[in-house]
Amino acid sequence: MISDPKDLLKKNEQLIHSDAKRVISHVQRQKGEWVLHTLMLEDCDVPFRFKRQKQYMSLKGCRVNLTYYADTELVAGMPIEIMKVVRIKRT
């Protein structure tokens, strides 16, 4: 498993890496066997999403390093831009 963001960025040009972003909202909800996490970051209007098998501590107010890519999701028949998180780590 590749955990270094530099290695991830070399393997996939579509990935974006951001350091020390402040989380202003963190919502966790059950979706089947997974827990879907949605983050809103300071100065960004697009939600960041990732899945884990268990609940996670709240990241609200924390700073995080993220590796992610842009994606779209249909909500009520309308495409909404989201960011799919590949790697997240508290700073």
PDB file of N, CA and C in Angstrom:
ATOM      1  N   MET A   1       0.846  -1.188   0.000  1.00  0.00           N
ATOM      2  CA  MET A   1       0.000   0.000   0.000  1.00  0.00           C
ATOM      3  C   MET A   1       0.888   1.247   0.000  1.00  0.00           C
ATOM      4  N   ILE A   2       0.546   2.182  -0.851  1.00  0.00           N
ATOM      5  CA  ILE A   2       1.314   3.417  -0.966  1.00  0.00           C
ATOM      6  C   ILE A   2       0.713   4.441  -0.012  1.00  0.00           C
ATOM      7  N   SER A   3       1.531   4.937   0.923  1.00  0.00           N
ATOM      8  CA  SER A   3       0.993   5.913   1.875  1.00  0.00           C
ATOM      9  C   SER A   3       1.648   7.284   1.739  1.00  0.00           C
ATOM     10  N   ASP A   4       2.703   7.385   0.972  1.00  0.00           N
ATOM     11  CA  ASP A   4       3.367   8.673   0.789  1.00  0.00           C
ATOM     12  C   ASP A   4       2.657   9.455  -0.310  1.00  0.00           C
ATOM     13  N   PRO A   5       2.213  10.682  -0.035  1.00  0.00           N
ATOM     14  CA  PRO A   5       1.485  11.444  -1.055  1.00  0.00           C
ATOM     15  C   PRO A   5       2.299  11.690  -2.322  1.00  0.00           C
ATOM     16  N   LYS A   6       3.596  11.844  -2.201  1.00  0.00           N
ATOM     17  CA  LYS A   6       4.430  12.077  -3.388  1.00  0.00           C
ATOM     18  C   LYS A   6       4.386  10.879  -4.324  1.00  0.00           C
ATOM     19  N   ASP A   7       4.413   9.662  -3.754  1.00  0.00           N
ATOM     20  CA  ASP A   7       4.326   8.451  -4.574  1.00  0.00           C
ATOM     21  C   ASP A   7       2.956   8.336  -5.238  1.00  0.00           C
ATOM     22  N   LEU A   8       1.897   8.690  -4.504  1.00  0.00           N
ATOM     23  CA  LEU A   8       0.550   8.655  -5.072  1.00  0.00           C
ATOM     24  C   LEU A   8       0.422   9.633  -6.234  1.00  0.00           C
ATOM     25  N   LEU A   9       0.977  10.828  -6.067  1.00  0.00           N
ATOM     26  CA  LEU A   9       0.894  11.845  -7.116  1.00  0.00           C
ATOM     27  C   LEU A   9       1.671  11.438  -8.362  1.00  0.00           C
ATOM     28  N   LYS A  10       2.773  10.722  -8.186  1.00  0.00           N
ATOM     29  CA  LYS A  10       3.549  10.240  -9.331  1.00  0.00           C
ATOM     30  C   LYS A  10       2.770   9.192 -10.119  1.00  0.00           C
ATOM     31  N   LYS A  11       2.023   8.336  -9.415  1.00  0.00           N
ATOM     32  CA  LYS A  11       1.291   7.254 -10.066  1.00  0.00           C
ATOM     33  C   LYS A  11       0.008   7.719 -10.755  1.00  0.00           C
ATOM     34  N   ASN A  12      -0.592   8.810 -10.270  1.00  0.00           N
ATOM     35  CA  ASN A  12      -1.849   9.268 -10.835  1.00  0.00           C
ATOM     36  C   ASN A  12      -1.825  10.794 -10.939  1.00  0.00           C
ATOM     37  N   GLU A  13      -1.819  11.298 -12.166  1.00  0.00           N
ATOM     38  CA  GLU A  13      -1.717  12.738 -12.397  1.00  0.00           C
ATOM     39  C   GLU A  13      -2.963  13.509 -11.986  1.00  0.00           C
ATOM     40  N   GLN A  14      -4.122  12.835 -11.849  1.00  0.00           N
ATOM     41  CA  GLN A  14      -5.360  13.518 -11.495  1.00  0.00           C
ATOM     42  C   GLN A  14      -5.453  13.836 -10.003  1.00  0.00           C
ATOM     43  N   LEU A  15      -4.609  13.233  -9.194  1.00  0.00           N
ATOM     44  CA  LEU A  15      -4.660  13.464  -7.753  1.00  0.00           C
ATOM     45  C   LEU A  15      -4.140  14.855  -7.396  1.00  0.00           C
ATOM     46  N   ILE A  16      -4.720  15.410  -6.352  1.00  0.00           N
ATOM     47  CA  ILE A  16      -4.333  16.722  -5.831  1.00  0.00           C
ATOM     48  C   ILE A  16      -3.976  16.527  -4.363  1.00  0.00           C
ATOM     49  N   HIS A  17      -2.947  17.205  -3.892  1.00  0.00           N
ATOM     50  CA  HIS A  17      -2.565  17.108  -2.485  1.00  0.00           C
ATOM     51  C   HIS A  17      -2.625  18.491  -1.850  1.00  0.00           C
ATOM     52  N   SER A  18      -3.259  18.565  -0.685  1.00  0.00           N
ATOM     53  CA  SER A  18      -3.355  19.824   0.059  1.00  0.00           C
ATOM     54  C   SER A  18      -2.887  19.587   1.487  1.00  0.00           C
ATOM     55  N   ASP A  19      -2.139  20.545   2.017  1.00  0.00           N
ATOM     56  CA  ASP A  19      -1.609  20.442   3.380  1.00  0.00           C
ATOM     57  C   ASP A  19      -2.295  21.440   4.306  1.00  0.00           C
ATOM     58  N   ALA A  20      -2.483  21.021   5.548  1.00  0.00           N
ATOM     59  CA  ALA A  20      -2.936  21.872   6.656  1.00  0.00           C
ATOM     60  C   ALA A  20      -4.231  22.626   6.363  1.00  0.00           C
ATOM     61  N   LYS A  21      -5.210  21.931   5.820  1.00  0.00           N
ATOM     62  CA  LYS A  21      -6.522  22.527   5.580  1.00  0.00           C
ATOM     63  C   LYS A  21      -7.380  22.361   6.837  1.00  0.00           C
ATOM     64  N   ARG A  22      -8.094  23.414   7.238  1.00  0.00           N
ATOM     65  CA  ARG A  22      -8.935  23.374   8.442  1.00  0.00           C
ATOM     66  C   ARG A  22     -10.317  22.823   8.092  1.00  0.00           C
ATOM     67  N   VAL A  23     -10.754  21.823   8.882  1.00  0.00           N
ATOM     68  CA  VAL A  23     -12.067  21.209   8.712  1.00  0.00           C
ATOM     69  C   VAL A  23     -13.086  22.043   9.485  1.00  0.00           C
ATOM     70  N   ILE A  24     -14.135  22.514   8.784  1.00  0.00           N
ATOM     71  CA  ILE A  24     -15.172  23.291   9.462  1.00  0.00           C
ATOM     72  C   ILE A  24     -16.412  22.444   9.752  1.00  0.00           C
ATOM     73  N   SER A  25     -16.561  21.313   9.066  1.00  0.00           N
ATOM     74  CA  SER A  25     -17.691  20.420   9.312  1.00  0.00           C
ATOM     75  C   SER A  25     -17.276  18.986   8.991  1.00  0.00           C
ATOM     76  N   HIS A  26     -17.677  18.041   9.849  1.00  0.00           N
ATOM     77  CA  HIS A  26     -17.396  16.621   9.644  1.00  0.00           C
ATOM     78  C   HIS A  26     -18.647  15.833  10.015  1.00  0.00           C
ATOM     79  N   VAL A  27     -19.267  15.195   9.019  1.00  0.00           N
ATOM     80  CA  VAL A  27     -20.482  14.413   9.224  1.00  0.00           C
ATOM     81  C   VAL A  27     -20.176  12.956   8.890  1.00  0.00           C
ATOM     82  N   GLN A  28     -20.632  12.041   9.764  1.00  0.00           N
ATOM     83  CA  GLN A  28     -20.449  10.611   9.548  1.00  0.00           C
ATOM     84  C   GLN A  28     -21.824   9.953   9.519  1.00  0.00           C
ATOM     85  N   ARG A  29     -22.072   9.117   8.496  1.00  0.00           N
ATOM     86  CA  ARG A  29     -23.345   8.402   8.458  1.00  0.00           C
ATOM     87  C   ARG A  29     -23.136   7.006   7.890  1.00  0.00           C
ATOM     88  N   GLN A  30     -23.946   6.095   8.373  1.00  0.00           N
ATOM     89  CA  GLN A  30     -23.868   4.695   7.967  1.00  0.00           C
ATOM     90  C   GLN A  30     -24.416   4.550   6.554  1.00  0.00           C
ATOM     91  N   LYS A  31     -23.697   3.822   5.697  1.00  0.00           N
ATOM     92  CA  LYS A  31     -24.156   3.518   4.345  1.00  0.00           C
ATOM     93  C   LYS A  31     -23.798   2.065   4.073  1.00  0.00           C
ATOM     94  N   GLY A  32     -24.745   1.180   4.376  1.00  0.00           N
ATOM     95  CA  GLY A  32     -24.478  -0.255   4.251  1.00  0.00           C
ATOM     96  C   GLY A  32     -23.506  -0.674   5.338  1.00  0.00           C
ATOM     97  N   GLU A  33     -22.447  -1.363   4.945  1.00  0.00           N
ATOM     98  CA  GLU A  33     -21.429  -1.811   5.897  1.00  0.00           C
ATOM     99  C   GLU A  33     -20.361  -0.751   6.154  1.00  0.00           C
ATOM    100  N   TRP A  34     -20.437   0.367   5.465  1.00  0.00           N
ATOM    101  CA  TRP A  34     -19.426   1.417   5.556  1.00  0.00           C
ATOM    102  C   TRP A  34     -19.972   2.636   6.269  1.00  0.00           C
ATOM    103  N   VAL A  35     -19.064   3.467   6.752  1.00  0.00           N
ATOM    104  CA  VAL A  35     -19.413   4.770   7.311  1.00  0.00           C
ATOM    105  C   VAL A  35     -18.904   5.816   6.318  1.00  0.00           C
ATOM    106  N   LEU A  36     -19.832   6.607   5.782  1.00  0.00           N
ATOM    107  CA  LEU A  36     -19.498   7.650   4.818  1.00  0.00           C
ATOM    108  C   LEU A  36     -19.196   8.939   5.566  1.00  0.00           C
ATOM    109  N   HIS A  37     -18.019   9.490   5.322  1.00  0.00           N
ATOM    110  CA  HIS A  37     -17.571  10.726   5.976  1.00  0.00           C
ATOM    111  C   HIS A  37     -17.624  11.854   4.953  1.00  0.00           C
ATOM    112  N   THR A  38     -18.181  12.978   5.360  1.00  0.00           N
ATOM    113  CA  THR A  38     -18.220  14.166   4.510  1.00  0.00           C
ATOM    114  C   THR A  38     -17.588  15.318   5.269  1.00  0.00           C
ATOM    115  N   LEU A  39     -16.575  15.918   4.664  1.00  0.00           N
ATOM    116  CA  LEU A  39     -15.866  17.049   5.263  1.00  0.00           C
ATOM    117  C   LEU A  39     -16.121  18.303   4.442  1.00  0.00           C
ATOM    118  N   MET A  40     -16.260  19.425   5.134  1.00  0.00           N
ATOM    119  CA  MET A  40     -16.244  20.730   4.489  1.00  0.00           C
ATOM    120  C   MET A  40     -15.010  21.445   5.020  1.00  0.00           C
ATOM    121  N   LEU A  41     -14.240  22.012   4.111  1.00  0.00           N
ATOM    122  CA  LEU A  41     -12.996  22.682   4.482  1.00  0.00           C
ATOM    123  C   LEU A  41     -13.148  24.190   4.380  1.00  0.00           C
ATOM    124  N   GLU A  42     -12.362  24.875   5.178  1.00  0.00           N
ATOM    125  CA  GLU A  42     -12.338  26.336   5.180  1.00  0.00           C
ATOM    126  C   GLU A  42     -11.968  26.844   3.792  1.00  0.00           C
ATOM    127  N   ASP A  43     -12.685  27.857   3.309  1.00  0.00           N
ATOM    128  CA  ASP A  43     -12.447  28.488   2.004  1.00  0.00           C
ATOM    129  C   ASP A  43     -12.662  27.545   0.820  1.00  0.00           C
ATOM    130  N   CYS A  44     -13.528  26.543   0.984  1.00  0.00           N
ATOM    131  CA  CYS A  44     -13.823  25.615  -0.106  1.00  0.00           C
ATOM    132  C   CYS A  44     -15.313  25.254  -0.044  1.00  0.00           C
ATOM    133  N   ASP A  45     -16.005  25.351  -1.180  1.00  0.00           N
ATOM    134  CA  ASP A  45     -17.448  25.104  -1.221  1.00  0.00           C
ATOM    135  C   ASP A  45     -17.808  23.684  -1.648  1.00  0.00           C
ATOM    136  N   VAL A  46     -16.819  22.847  -1.907  1.00  0.00           N
ATOM    137  CA  VAL A  46     -17.059  21.489  -2.395  1.00  0.00           C
ATOM    138  C   VAL A  46     -16.858  20.492  -1.253  1.00  0.00           C
ATOM    139  N   PRO A  47     -17.776  19.518  -1.071  1.00  0.00           N
ATOM    140  CA  PRO A  47     -17.599  18.524  -0.019  1.00  0.00           C
ATOM    141  C   PRO A  47     -16.511  17.506  -0.371  1.00  0.00           C
ATOM    142  N   PHE A  48     -15.801  17.064   0.644  1.00  0.00           N
ATOM    143  CA  PHE A  48     -14.775  16.033   0.503  1.00  0.00           C
ATOM    144  C   PHE A  48     -15.333  14.761   1.143  1.00  0.00           C
ATOM    145  N   ARG A  49     -15.283  13.637   0.414  1.00  0.00           N
ATOM    146  CA  ARG A  49     -15.895  12.405   0.914  1.00  0.00           C
ATOM    147  C   ARG A  49     -14.907  11.252   0.916  1.00  0.00           C
ATOM    148  N   PHE A  50     -15.062  10.401   1.952  1.00  0.00           N
ATOM    149  CA  PHE A  50     -14.319   9.145   2.015  1.00  0.00           C
ATOM    150  C   PHE A  50     -15.096   8.161   2.858  1.00  0.00           C
ATOM    151  N   LYS A  51     -14.752   6.868   2.738  1.00  0.00           N
ATOM    152  CA  LYS A  51     -15.434   5.815   3.490  1.00  0.00           C
ATOM    153  C   LYS A  51     -14.441   5.119   4.408  1.00  0.00           C
ATOM    154  N   ARG A  52     -14.952   4.674   5.542  1.00  0.00           N
ATOM    155  CA  ARG A  52     -14.212   3.831   6.480  1.00  0.00           C
ATOM    156  C   ARG A  52     -15.173   2.768   6.970  1.00  0.00           C
ATOM    157  N   GLN A  53     -14.632   1.699   7.514  1.00  0.00           N
ATOM    158  CA  GLN A  53     -15.496   0.640   8.008  1.00  0.00           C
ATOM    159  C   GLN A  53     -16.044   0.935   9.397  1.00  0.00           C
ATOM    160  N   LYS A  54     -15.442   1.876  10.107  1.00  0.00           N
ATOM    161  CA  LYS A  54     -15.889   2.218  11.459  1.00  0.00           C
ATOM    162  C   LYS A  54     -16.019   3.728  11.597  1.00  0.00           C
ATOM    163  N   GLN A  55     -16.727   4.154  12.650  1.00  0.00           N
ATOM    164  CA  GLN A  55     -16.795   5.577  12.977  1.00  0.00           C
ATOM    165  C   GLN A  55     -15.390   6.077  13.288  1.00  0.00           C
ATOM    166  N   TYR A  56     -15.158   7.357  13.118  1.00  0.00           N
ATOM    167  CA  TYR A  56     -13.861   7.953  13.349  1.00  0.00           C
ATOM    168  C   TYR A  56     -14.056   9.154  14.266  1.00  0.00           C
ATOM    169  N   MET A  57     -13.021   9.553  14.948  1.00  0.00           N
ATOM    170  CA  MET A  57     -13.141  10.742  15.799  1.00  0.00           C
ATOM    171  C   MET A  57     -13.495  11.949  14.942  1.00  0.00           C
ATOM    172  N   SER A  58     -14.167  12.897  15.536  1.00  0.00           N
ATOM    173  CA  SER A  58     -14.561  14.087  14.805  1.00  0.00           C
ATOM    174  C   SER A  58     -13.327  14.902  14.413  1.00  0.00           C
ATOM    175  N   LEU A  59     -13.294  15.331  13.181  1.00  0.00           N
ATOM    176  CA  LEU A  59     -12.177  16.137  12.678  1.00  0.00           C
ATOM    177  C   LEU A  59     -12.518  17.626  12.651  1.00  0.00           C
ATOM    178  N   LYS A  60     -13.698  17.991  13.148  1.00  0.00           N
ATOM    179  CA  LYS A  60     -14.121  19.392  13.130  1.00  0.00           C
ATOM    180  C   LYS A  60     -13.126  20.255  13.911  1.00  0.00           C
ATOM    181  N   GLY A  61     -12.645  21.306  13.253  1.00  0.00           N
ATOM    182  CA  GLY A  61     -11.685  22.210  13.876  1.00  0.00           C
ATOM    183  C   GLY A  61     -10.235  21.789  13.709  1.00  0.00           C
ATOM    184  N   CYS A  62      -9.994  20.578  13.243  1.00  0.00           N
ATOM    185  CA  CYS A  62      -8.619  20.078  13.066  1.00  0.00           C
ATOM    186  C   CYS A  62      -8.067  20.518  11.713  1.00  0.00           C
ATOM    187  N   ARG A  63      -6.764  20.444  11.614  1.00  0.00           N
ATOM    188  CA  ARG A  63      -6.098  20.638  10.320  1.00  0.00           C
ATOM    189  C   ARG A  63      -5.720  19.266   9.785  1.00  0.00           C
ATOM    190  N   VAL A  64      -5.914  19.079   8.464  1.00  0.00           N
ATOM    191  CA  VAL A  64      -5.650  17.783   7.848  1.00  0.00           C
ATOM    192  C   VAL A  64      -4.865  17.962   6.553  1.00  0.00           C
ATOM    193  N   ASN A  65      -4.114  16.924   6.206  1.00  0.00           N
ATOM    194  CA  ASN A  65      -3.477  16.818   4.903  1.00  0.00           C
ATOM    195  C   ASN A  65      -4.330  15.854   4.089  1.00  0.00           C
ATOM    196  N   LEU A  66      -4.652  16.221   2.856  1.00  0.00           N
ATOM    197  CA  LEU A  66      -5.537  15.429   2.018  1.00  0.00           C
ATOM    198  C   LEU A  66      -4.916  15.145   0.667  1.00  0.00           C
ATOM    199  N   THR A  67      -5.157  13.950   0.155  1.00  0.00           N
ATOM    200  CA  THR A  67      -4.876  13.615  -1.231  1.00  0.00           C
ATOM    201  C   THR A  67      -6.216  13.199  -1.813  1.00  0.00           C
ATOM    202  N   TYR A  68      -6.623  13.820  -2.921  1.00  0.00           N
ATOM    203  CA  TYR A  68      -7.978  13.625  -3.427  1.00  0.00           C
ATOM    204  C   TYR A  68      -8.032  13.879  -4.927  1.00  0.00           C
ATOM    205  N   TYR A  69      -9.211  13.584  -5.523  1.00  0.00           N
ATOM    206  CA  TYR A  69      -9.453  13.900  -6.922  1.00  0.00           C
ATOM    207  C   TYR A  69     -10.895  14.367  -7.082  1.00  0.00           C
ATOM    208  N   ALA A  70     -11.159  15.141  -8.112  1.00  0.00           N
ATOM    209  CA  ALA A  70     -12.496  15.669  -8.377  1.00  0.00           C
ATOM    210  C   ALA A  70     -13.366  14.586  -8.994  1.00  0.00           C
ATOM    211  N   ASP A  71     -14.650  14.593  -8.631  1.00  0.00           N
ATOM    212  CA  ASP A  71     -15.614  13.632  -9.142  1.00  0.00           C
ATOM    213  C   ASP A  71     -16.985  14.295  -9.122  1.00  0.00           C
ATOM    214  N   THR A  72     -17.987  13.664  -9.716  1.00  0.00           N
ATOM    215  CA  THR A  72     -19.354  14.166  -9.643  1.00  0.00           C
ATOM    216  C   THR A  72     -20.261  13.067  -9.119  1.00  0.00           C
ATOM    217  N   GLU A  73     -21.344  13.496  -8.500  1.00  0.00           N
ATOM    218  CA  GLU A  73     -22.315  12.571  -7.920  1.00  0.00           C
ATOM    219  C   GLU A  73     -23.706  13.103  -8.258  1.00  0.00           C
ATOM    220  N   LEU A  74     -24.627  12.207  -8.612  1.00  0.00           N
ATOM    221  CA  LEU A  74     -25.990  12.630  -8.900  1.00  0.00           C
ATOM    222  C   LEU A  74     -26.791  12.724  -7.615  1.00  0.00           C
ATOM    223  N   VAL A  75     -27.370  13.885  -7.357  1.00  0.00           N
ATOM    224  CA  VAL A  75     -28.235  14.115  -6.213  1.00  0.00           C
ATOM    225  C   VAL A  75     -29.540  14.674  -6.759  1.00  0.00           C
ATOM    226  N   ALA A  76     -30.626  13.946  -6.575  1.00  0.00           N
ATOM    227  CA  ALA A  76     -31.946  14.332  -7.090  1.00  0.00           C
ATOM    228  C   ALA A  76     -31.892  14.621  -8.586  1.00  0.00           C
ATOM    229  N   GLY A  77     -31.100  13.836  -9.317  1.00  0.00           N
ATOM    230  CA  GLY A  77     -31.012  13.982 -10.763  1.00  0.00           C
ATOM    231  C   GLY A  77     -30.094  15.083 -11.243  1.00  0.00           C
ATOM    232  N   MET A  78     -29.447  15.783 -10.312  1.00  0.00           N
ATOM    233  CA  MET A  78     -28.533  16.866 -10.690  1.00  0.00           C
ATOM    234  C   MET A  78     -27.102  16.475 -10.356  1.00  0.00           C
ATOM    235  N   PRO A  79     -26.153  16.705 -11.262  1.00  0.00           N
ATOM    236  CA  PRO A  79     -24.757  16.403 -10.952  1.00  0.00           C
ATOM    237  C   PRO A  79     -24.178  17.425  -9.971  1.00  0.00           C
ATOM    238  N   ILE A  80     -23.545  16.930  -8.918  1.00  0.00           N
ATOM    239  CA  ILE A  80     -22.924  17.772  -7.893  1.00  0.00           C
ATOM    240  C   ILE A  80     -21.440  17.416  -7.848  1.00  0.00           C
ATOM    241  N   GLU A  81     -20.591  18.437  -7.841  1.00  0.00           N
ATOM    242  CA  GLU A  81     -19.146  18.211  -7.757  1.00  0.00           C
ATOM    243  C   GLU A  81     -18.768  17.832  -6.321  1.00  0.00           C
ATOM    244  N   ILE A  82     -17.958  16.780  -6.182  1.00  0.00           N
ATOM    245  CA  ILE A  82     -17.414  16.365  -4.886  1.00  0.00           C
ATOM    246  C   ILE A  82     -15.937  16.062  -5.065  1.00  0.00           C
ATOM    247  N   MET A  83     -15.244  15.952  -3.961  1.00  0.00           N
ATOM    248  CA  MET A  83     -13.850  15.537  -3.969  1.00  0.00           C
ATOM    249  C   MET A  83     -13.759  14.183  -3.265  1.00  0.00           C
ATOM    250  N   LYS A  84     -13.232  13.186  -3.944  1.00  0.00           N
ATOM    251  CA  LYS A  84     -13.069  11.854  -3.369  1.00  0.00           C
ATOM    252  C   LYS A  84     -11.688  11.792  -2.710  1.00  0.00           C
ATOM    253  N   VAL A  85     -11.667  11.550  -1.411  1.00  0.00           N
ATOM    254  CA  VAL A  85     -10.427  11.532  -0.661  1.00  0.00           C
ATOM    255  C   VAL A  85      -9.788  10.140  -0.758  1.00  0.00           C
ATOM    256  N   VAL A  86      -8.523  10.112  -1.142  1.00  0.00           N
ATOM    257  CA  VAL A  86      -7.756   8.876  -1.236  1.00  0.00           C
ATOM    258  C   VAL A  86      -6.941   8.669   0.033  1.00  0.00           C
ATOM    259  N   ARG A  87      -6.447   9.770   0.600  1.00  0.00           N
ATOM    260  CA  ARG A  87      -5.609   9.711   1.802  1.00  0.00           C
ATOM    261  C   ARG A  87      -5.908  10.932   2.657  1.00  0.00           C
ATOM    262  N   ILE A  88      -6.066  10.722   3.950  1.00  0.00           N
ATOM    263  CA  ILE A  88      -6.291  11.830   4.872  1.00  0.00           C
ATOM    264  C   ILE A  88      -5.471  11.571   6.126  1.00  0.00           C
ATOM    265  N   LYS A  89      -4.865  12.638   6.644  1.00  0.00           N
ATOM    266  CA  LYS A  89      -4.058  12.501   7.850  1.00  0.00           C
ATOM    267  C   LYS A  89      -4.130  13.812   8.634  1.00  0.00           C
ATOM    268  N   ARG A  90      -4.329  13.684   9.951  1.00  0.00           N
ATOM    269  CA  ARG A  90      -4.317  14.890  10.804  1.00  0.00           C
ATOM    270  C   ARG A  90      -2.906  15.445  10.878  1.00  0.00           C
ATOM    271  N   THR A  91      -2.825  16.792  10.943  1.00  0.00           N
ATOM    272  CA  THR A  91      -1.489  17.398  11.078  1.00  0.00           C
ATOM    273  C   THR A  91      -1.252  17.824  12.501  1.00  0.00           C
TER     274      THR A  91
END
